[in-house]
């Protein structure tokens, strides 16, 4: 796409977001699509009894708080201070986690594993503990099990918070393409948080992807003329950038600021998409796609289909699940599925 075709549109590379520690903490709330999630609005699939059992477990977790909005240290002796929701893709784990957050009293936080590690990176370990300490509940969506360093930091952080009375609820990152290869990750999760494992109730949720998305499909890619027409007809806040320019810009922006990088956007357009050769670029793209997905910002793209940008050696490596999650999200964001 020529520069003439894009000159009237904003560019991601012109955005230089800043984000204070306080602003990062303020962003620790459920993503847009779960702002109204409730336990009652979760619809268990009757073919999978574990889904109704998961609802009961969440209700019991909520009931262990005393009425009046104060966290009770006199918990039901059968209710452990940690809850882990374990299951495949699209069974409603995040919906239940967000519902739990909405139902919890007092100061509480909801974020992905990456958002919490970014907070530690921005504030330092002691600073992050100081900000989060005293919360009634910490919800961690998509607990990463493939980064030993970050996992150790999170395990230590959660240990300090739990010792001070904060309750913890988590899910793990199980992408659709990984079903059948470690679909249920409870054993891995409990091993990684060894010192805390005895405090967690693990709930396994069976079922099918409730949105019935075509996760074996491909991300939608447009020809240059198609993309130009889509951009010209788009009504809303849109940025248009070359794929390589975005990758270079992401390298200059801390991942904790990606959430403000896309603030206010209705869509992003990426031109000249190609297969990645750098794992560093690939991991930054994963973090960026996570933020787009949380904000439900669609992608218009030309060049290589976005689900094909991770080279085979990357998909066979230690970050396989992370890349597969990004692939499924890019399929959804380019096709409109789940938006």
Protein backbone atom coordinates (compact mmCIF):
# COMPACT_ATOMS: atom_id res chain seq x y z
CA UNK A 1 0.00 0.00 0.00
CA UNK A 2 1.45 3.34 -1.01
CA UNK A 3 2.17 6.17 1.41
CA UNK A 4 -0.42 8.28 -0.47
CA UNK A 5 -3.11 5.77 0.46
CA UNK A 6 -2.27 5.92 4.14
CA UNK A 7 -1.27 9.55 4.71
CA UNK A 8 -4.70 10.61 5.98
CA UNK A 9 -4.79 7.93 8.65
CA UNK A 10 -3.10 7.75 12.01
CA UNK A 11 -0.20 5.43 12.60
CA UNK A 12 0.65 3.27 15.57
CA UNK A 13 4.28 4.27 15.19
CA UNK A 14 3.37 7.88 15.93
CA UNK A 15 1.92 6.92 19.28
CA UNK A 16 4.33 7.18 22.20
CA UNK A 17 2.28 6.01 25.17
CA UNK A 18 3.21 6.63 28.76
CA UNK A 19 1.84 4.65 31.64
CA UNK A 20 2.50 5.25 35.31
CA UNK A 21 2.38 2.50 37.90
CA UNK A 22 -0.91 3.88 39.14
CA UNK A 23 -2.38 3.77 35.62
CA UNK A 24 -1.17 0.18 35.19
CA UNK A 25 -2.95 -0.80 38.38
CA UNK A 26 -6.11 0.99 37.21
CA UNK A 27 -6.06 -1.19 34.09
CA UNK A 28 -6.19 -4.37 36.19
CA UNK A 29 -9.88 -4.99 35.53
CA UNK A 30 -11.67 -7.55 33.32
CA UNK A 31 -11.42 -6.91 29.55
CA UNK A 32 -14.20 -5.19 27.66
CA UNK A 33 -16.14 -8.31 26.71
CA UNK A 34 -16.42 -9.33 30.37
CA UNK A 35 -17.34 -6.02 31.97
CA UNK A 36 -20.86 -7.30 32.69
CA UNK A 37 -20.07 -10.98 33.25
CA UNK A 38 -21.92 -12.59 36.14
CA UNK A 39 -22.06 -16.09 37.53
CA UNK A 40 -25.76 -16.17 36.62
CA UNK A 41 -25.05 -15.29 32.97
CA UNK A 42 -22.72 -18.28 32.55
CA UNK A 43 -24.65 -21.00 30.73
CA UNK A 44 -23.31 -24.47 31.60
CA UNK A 45 -23.45 -27.05 28.81
CA UNK A 46 -25.64 -29.83 30.16
CA UNK A 47 -23.58 -32.38 28.21
CA UNK A 48 -20.61 -31.52 30.45
CA UNK A 49 -21.58 -31.69 34.16
CA UNK A 50 -18.20 -30.28 35.19
CA UNK A 51 -19.34 -26.85 33.96
CA UNK A 52 -22.21 -26.74 36.47
CA UNK A 53 -19.79 -28.03 39.12
CA UNK A 54 -17.46 -25.15 38.29
CA UNK A 55 -20.30 -22.68 38.83
CA UNK A 56 -20.98 -24.23 42.24
CA UNK A 57 -17.31 -23.95 43.15
CA UNK A 58 -17.21 -20.26 42.19
CA UNK A 59 -20.39 -19.60 44.18
CA UNK A 60 -18.87 -21.32 47.22
CA UNK A 61 -15.72 -19.24 46.82
CA UNK A 62 -17.82 -16.06 46.76
CA UNK A 63 -19.97 -17.20 49.69
CA UNK A 64 -16.90 -17.50 51.90
CA UNK A 65 -16.73 -13.71 52.06
CA UNK A 66 -18.79 -12.24 54.87
CA UNK A 67 -21.68 -9.97 53.82
CA UNK A 68 -20.94 -6.27 53.99
CA UNK A 69 -17.92 -6.20 51.73
CA UNK A 70 -15.26 -7.22 54.27
CA UNK A 71 -12.96 -10.16 53.73
CA UNK A 72 -13.42 -12.71 56.45
CA UNK A 73 -10.44 -14.58 57.80
CA UNK A 74 -12.88 -17.11 59.28
CA UNK A 75 -13.36 -18.95 56.02
CA UNK A 76 -15.43 -22.02 55.53
CA UNK A 77 -12.94 -24.71 56.44
CA UNK A 78 -13.75 -26.50 53.18
CA UNK A 79 -12.96 -23.43 51.05
CA UNK A 80 -9.27 -22.94 50.26
CA UNK A 81 -7.96 -19.42 49.61
CA UNK A 82 -6.98 -20.22 46.03
CA UNK A 83 -9.09 -21.36 43.07
CA UNK A 84 -7.71 -22.67 39.78
CA UNK A 85 -10.00 -23.16 36.77
CA UNK A 86 -8.54 -25.76 34.44
CA UNK A 87 -9.96 -26.53 31.03
CA UNK A 88 -9.81 -26.33 27.29
CA UNK A 89 -10.39 -23.38 25.00
CA UNK A 90 -13.76 -21.65 25.01
CA UNK A 91 -15.34 -23.41 28.01
CA UNK A 92 -15.89 -20.15 29.88
CA UNK A 93 -12.94 -20.00 32.27
CA UNK A 94 -12.40 -16.27 31.78
CA UNK A 95 -16.14 -15.59 32.10
CA UNK A 96 -16.19 -17.37 35.47
CA UNK A 97 -13.00 -15.64 36.59
CA UNK A 98 -14.42 -12.22 35.68
CA UNK A 99 -17.70 -13.12 37.39
CA UNK A 100 -15.77 -13.95 40.53
CA UNK A 101 -13.96 -10.61 40.35
CA UNK A 102 -17.26 -8.72 39.98
CA UNK A 103 -18.74 -10.57 42.98
CA UNK A 104 -15.77 -10.08 45.28
CA UNK A 105 -15.85 -7.29 47.87
CA UNK A 106 -13.36 -4.50 48.40
CA UNK A 107 -10.22 -3.71 46.43
CA UNK A 108 -9.49 -6.37 43.83
CA UNK A 109 -7.48 -6.84 40.65
CA UNK A 110 -7.93 -8.76 37.40
CA UNK A 111 -5.20 -9.16 34.81
CA UNK A 112 -3.34 -11.58 32.64
CA UNK A 113 -0.12 -13.19 33.77
CA UNK A 114 1.76 -10.86 31.40
CA UNK A 115 0.14 -7.77 32.89
CA UNK A 116 1.24 -8.71 36.41
CA UNK A 117 4.81 -9.47 35.34
CA UNK A 118 4.84 -6.13 33.47
CA UNK A 119 3.73 -4.42 36.68
CA UNK A 120 6.64 -6.02 38.53
CA UNK A 121 8.95 -4.88 35.74
CA UNK A 122 7.69 -1.31 35.96
CA UNK A 123 7.44 -0.92 39.73
CA UNK A 124 10.01 -3.43 40.92
CA UNK A 125 9.11 -6.45 43.02
CA UNK A 126 8.72 -4.55 46.30
CA UNK A 127 6.70 -1.83 44.59
CA UNK A 128 4.30 -4.36 43.06
CA UNK A 129 3.83 -6.10 46.41
CA UNK A 130 3.15 -2.75 48.05
CA UNK A 131 0.49 -1.83 45.49
CA UNK A 132 -1.32 -5.20 45.49
CA UNK A 133 -1.05 -6.01 49.19
CA UNK A 134 -4.32 -5.79 51.08
CA UNK A 135 -6.48 -6.65 48.06
CA UNK A 136 -9.33 -9.03 48.75
CA UNK A 137 -8.78 -10.89 45.47
CA UNK A 138 -6.18 -11.24 42.73
CA UNK A 139 -7.44 -12.81 39.49
CA UNK A 140 -4.82 -14.08 37.03
CA UNK A 141 -6.05 -15.05 33.58
CA UNK A 142 -3.87 -17.19 31.33
CA UNK A 143 -1.20 -18.11 33.84
CA UNK A 144 1.92 -18.67 31.73
CA UNK A 145 3.58 -22.03 32.24
CA UNK A 146 6.35 -21.66 29.65
CA UNK A 147 8.53 -18.90 31.15
CA UNK A 148 10.44 -20.21 34.20
CA UNK A 149 11.80 -16.81 35.24
CA UNK A 150 8.47 -15.00 35.21
CA UNK A 151 6.75 -17.98 36.79
CA UNK A 152 9.15 -17.90 39.74
CA UNK A 153 8.52 -14.18 40.21
CA UNK A 154 4.76 -14.70 40.14
CA UNK A 155 4.89 -17.64 42.52
CA UNK A 156 6.88 -15.57 45.01
CA UNK A 157 4.54 -12.58 44.59
CA UNK A 158 1.43 -14.69 45.10
CA UNK A 159 3.00 -16.32 48.14
CA UNK A 160 3.49 -12.94 49.83
CA UNK A 161 0.00 -11.78 48.94
CA UNK A 162 -1.66 -15.00 50.10
CA UNK A 163 0.23 -14.83 53.39
CA UNK A 164 -1.27 -11.39 54.00
CA UNK A 165 -4.84 -12.64 53.46
CA UNK A 166 -5.38 -11.98 49.76
CA UNK A 167 -7.27 -14.68 47.89
CA UNK A 168 -6.16 -15.82 44.45
CA UNK A 169 -8.04 -17.21 41.45
CA UNK A 170 -6.40 -18.24 38.19
CA UNK A 171 -6.79 -19.89 34.81
CA UNK A 172 -4.07 -21.17 32.50
CA UNK A 173 -3.30 -20.45 28.88
CA UNK A 174 -4.57 -23.38 26.83
CA UNK A 175 -4.88 -22.45 23.14
CA UNK A 176 -7.31 -24.34 20.91
CA UNK A 177 -4.58 -25.81 18.73
CA UNK A 178 -3.03 -27.43 21.82
CA UNK A 179 -6.09 -29.51 22.68
CA UNK A 180 -4.98 -33.08 23.16
CA UNK A 181 -1.39 -32.14 24.03
CA UNK A 182 -1.57 -31.18 27.65
CA UNK A 183 -5.09 -29.82 27.40
CA UNK A 184 -5.51 -29.73 31.16
CA UNK A 185 -2.68 -27.94 32.90
CA UNK A 186 -3.54 -28.27 36.60
CA UNK A 187 -0.56 -30.50 37.38
CA UNK A 188 1.80 -28.07 35.65
CA UNK A 189 0.25 -25.09 37.42
CA UNK A 190 0.50 -26.67 40.87
CA UNK A 191 4.08 -27.74 40.23
CA UNK A 192 5.09 -24.20 39.25
CA UNK A 193 3.53 -22.68 42.37
CA UNK A 194 4.80 -25.50 44.58
CA UNK A 195 4.82 -23.51 47.84
CA UNK A 196 1.22 -22.43 47.27
CA UNK A 197 -0.24 -25.56 45.69
CA UNK A 198 -1.83 -26.89 48.87
CA UNK A 199 -3.90 -23.71 49.13
CA UNK A 200 -5.59 -24.15 45.76
CA UNK A 201 -8.80 -25.91 44.85
CA UNK A 202 -8.52 -27.06 41.23
CA UNK A 203 -11.67 -27.25 39.15
CA UNK A 204 -11.57 -29.09 35.83
CA UNK A 205 -14.00 -27.78 33.21
CA UNK A 206 -14.72 -30.06 30.25
CA UNK A 207 -16.53 -28.94 27.13
CA UNK A 208 -16.38 -27.57 23.62
CA UNK A 209 -15.58 -24.04 22.49
CA UNK A 210 -18.93 -22.37 23.09
CA UNK A 211 -18.39 -19.96 20.19
CA UNK A 212 -17.70 -22.90 17.84
CA UNK A 213 -14.93 -20.89 16.22
CA UNK A 214 -13.09 -22.35 13.25
CA UNK A 215 -9.75 -22.52 15.03
CA UNK A 216 -8.35 -24.68 12.24
CA UNK A 217 -9.06 -21.92 9.70
CA UNK A 218 -6.83 -19.08 8.61
CA UNK A 219 -6.53 -15.42 9.39
CA UNK A 220 -8.19 -13.28 6.75
CA UNK A 221 -5.71 -11.48 4.52
CA UNK A 222 -6.55 -8.83 1.94
CA UNK A 223 -4.97 -7.81 -1.33
CA UNK A 224 -3.50 -4.31 -1.52
CA UNK A 225 -6.53 -2.94 -3.36
CA UNK A 226 -8.94 -4.67 -0.96
CA UNK A 227 -7.12 -3.28 2.06
CA UNK A 228 -7.05 0.20 0.56
CA UNK A 229 -10.80 0.05 -0.05
CA UNK A 230 -11.46 -1.29 3.46
CA UNK A 231 -9.37 1.48 5.00
CA UNK A 232 -11.02 4.19 2.90
CA UNK A 233 -14.51 3.01 3.83
CA UNK A 234 -13.78 2.42 7.51
CA UNK A 235 -15.72 4.59 9.91
CA UNK A 236 -13.94 4.88 13.21
CA UNK A 237 -10.50 5.34 14.74
CA UNK A 238 -8.05 3.39 12.58
CA UNK A 239 -4.28 3.20 12.31
CA UNK A 240 -2.43 2.01 9.20
CA UNK A 241 1.18 0.82 9.36
CA UNK A 242 3.67 -1.48 7.69
CA UNK A 243 4.14 -4.69 9.65
CA UNK A 244 7.90 -4.12 9.99
CA UNK A 245 7.35 -0.58 11.27
CA UNK A 246 5.02 -1.87 13.97
CA UNK A 247 7.53 -4.53 15.02
CA UNK A 248 10.25 -1.89 15.29
CA UNK A 249 7.95 0.38 17.29
CA UNK A 250 6.96 -2.39 19.69
CA UNK A 251 10.64 -2.81 20.50
CA UNK A 252 10.69 0.80 21.75
CA UNK A 253 7.56 0.51 23.91
CA UNK A 254 7.45 -1.48 27.14
CA UNK A 255 4.83 -4.26 26.87
CA UNK A 256 3.05 -2.79 29.88
CA UNK A 257 2.24 0.23 27.68
CA UNK A 258 0.73 -1.73 24.78
CA UNK A 259 -2.67 -1.26 26.40
CA UNK A 260 -2.41 2.51 25.98
CA UNK A 261 -0.79 2.17 22.55
CA UNK A 262 -4.14 0.96 21.23
CA UNK A 263 -6.34 3.10 23.46
CA UNK A 264 -9.36 4.48 21.61
CA UNK A 265 -8.81 2.49 18.42
CA UNK A 266 -11.62 0.75 16.57
CA UNK A 267 -9.27 -1.21 14.29
CA UNK A 268 -5.65 -1.50 13.16
CA UNK A 269 -4.44 -2.14 9.62
CA UNK A 270 -1.13 -3.90 8.95
CA UNK A 271 0.42 -3.97 5.49
CA UNK A 272 3.12 -6.24 4.06
CA UNK A 273 2.82 -8.90 6.76
CA UNK A 274 5.54 -11.56 6.49
CA UNK A 275 6.94 -14.58 8.32
CA UNK A 276 8.96 -13.64 11.40
CA UNK A 277 12.61 -14.62 11.79
CA UNK A 278 13.22 -13.15 15.25
CA UNK A 279 11.78 -14.82 18.33
CA UNK A 280 12.05 -11.51 20.19
CA UNK A 281 9.81 -9.88 17.58
CA UNK A 282 7.47 -12.87 17.76
CA UNK A 283 7.05 -12.61 21.54
CA UNK A 284 6.42 -8.86 21.33
CA UNK A 285 3.77 -9.54 18.68
CA UNK A 286 2.11 -12.09 20.99
CA UNK A 287 1.89 -9.50 23.78
CA UNK A 288 0.50 -6.93 21.33
CA UNK A 289 -2.12 -9.35 19.97
CA UNK A 290 -3.19 -10.15 23.54
CA UNK A 291 -3.93 -6.48 24.15
CA UNK A 292 -5.84 -6.16 20.86
CA UNK A 293 -7.86 -9.24 21.74
CA UNK A 294 -8.68 -8.01 25.24
CA UNK A 295 -9.83 -4.69 23.80
CA UNK A 296 -11.65 -6.44 20.92
CA UNK A 297 -9.87 -4.34 18.28
CA UNK A 298 -10.13 -5.98 14.82
CA UNK A 299 -7.19 -6.28 12.42
CA UNK A 300 -7.14 -5.58 8.68
CA UNK A 301 -4.03 -7.10 7.09
CA UNK A 302 -2.31 -7.66 3.75
CA UNK A 303 0.57 -9.94 2.86
CA UNK A 304 1.14 -13.26 4.60
CA UNK A 305 -1.85 -14.46 6.61
CA UNK A 306 -1.20 -13.57 10.26
CA UNK A 307 -1.70 -17.16 11.43
CA UNK A 308 1.32 -18.08 9.28
CA UNK A 309 3.82 -15.56 10.69
CA UNK A 310 5.41 -17.92 13.23
CA UNK A 311 8.06 -20.12 11.63
CA UNK A 312 7.91 -23.89 12.14
CA UNK A 313 10.94 -23.87 14.45
CA UNK A 314 9.16 -21.34 16.68
CA UNK A 315 6.02 -23.47 16.84
CA UNK A 316 8.15 -26.46 17.80
CA UNK A 317 9.94 -24.59 20.59
CA UNK A 318 9.31 -23.74 24.21
CA UNK A 319 6.84 -20.94 23.46
CA UNK A 320 4.61 -23.14 21.29
CA UNK A 321 1.46 -22.67 23.37
CA UNK A 322 1.96 -18.92 23.50
CA UNK A 323 2.28 -18.72 19.71
CA UNK A 324 -0.72 -20.97 19.15
CA UNK A 325 -2.83 -18.77 21.41
CA UNK A 326 -1.80 -15.74 19.33
CA UNK A 327 -2.65 -17.63 16.12
CA UNK A 328 -6.18 -18.39 17.31
CA UNK A 329 -6.64 -14.77 18.39
CA UNK A 330 -5.41 -13.38 15.09
CA UNK A 331 -7.84 -15.65 13.25
CA UNK A 332 -10.64 -14.22 15.40
CA UNK A 333 -9.49 -10.60 15.07
CA UNK A 334 -9.18 -10.73 11.27
CA UNK A 335 -12.39 -12.67 10.69
CA UNK A 336 -14.63 -10.98 13.26
CA UNK A 337 -15.27 -14.27 15.09
CA UNK A 338 -15.85 -13.76 18.80
CA UNK A 339 -15.86 -9.96 18.48
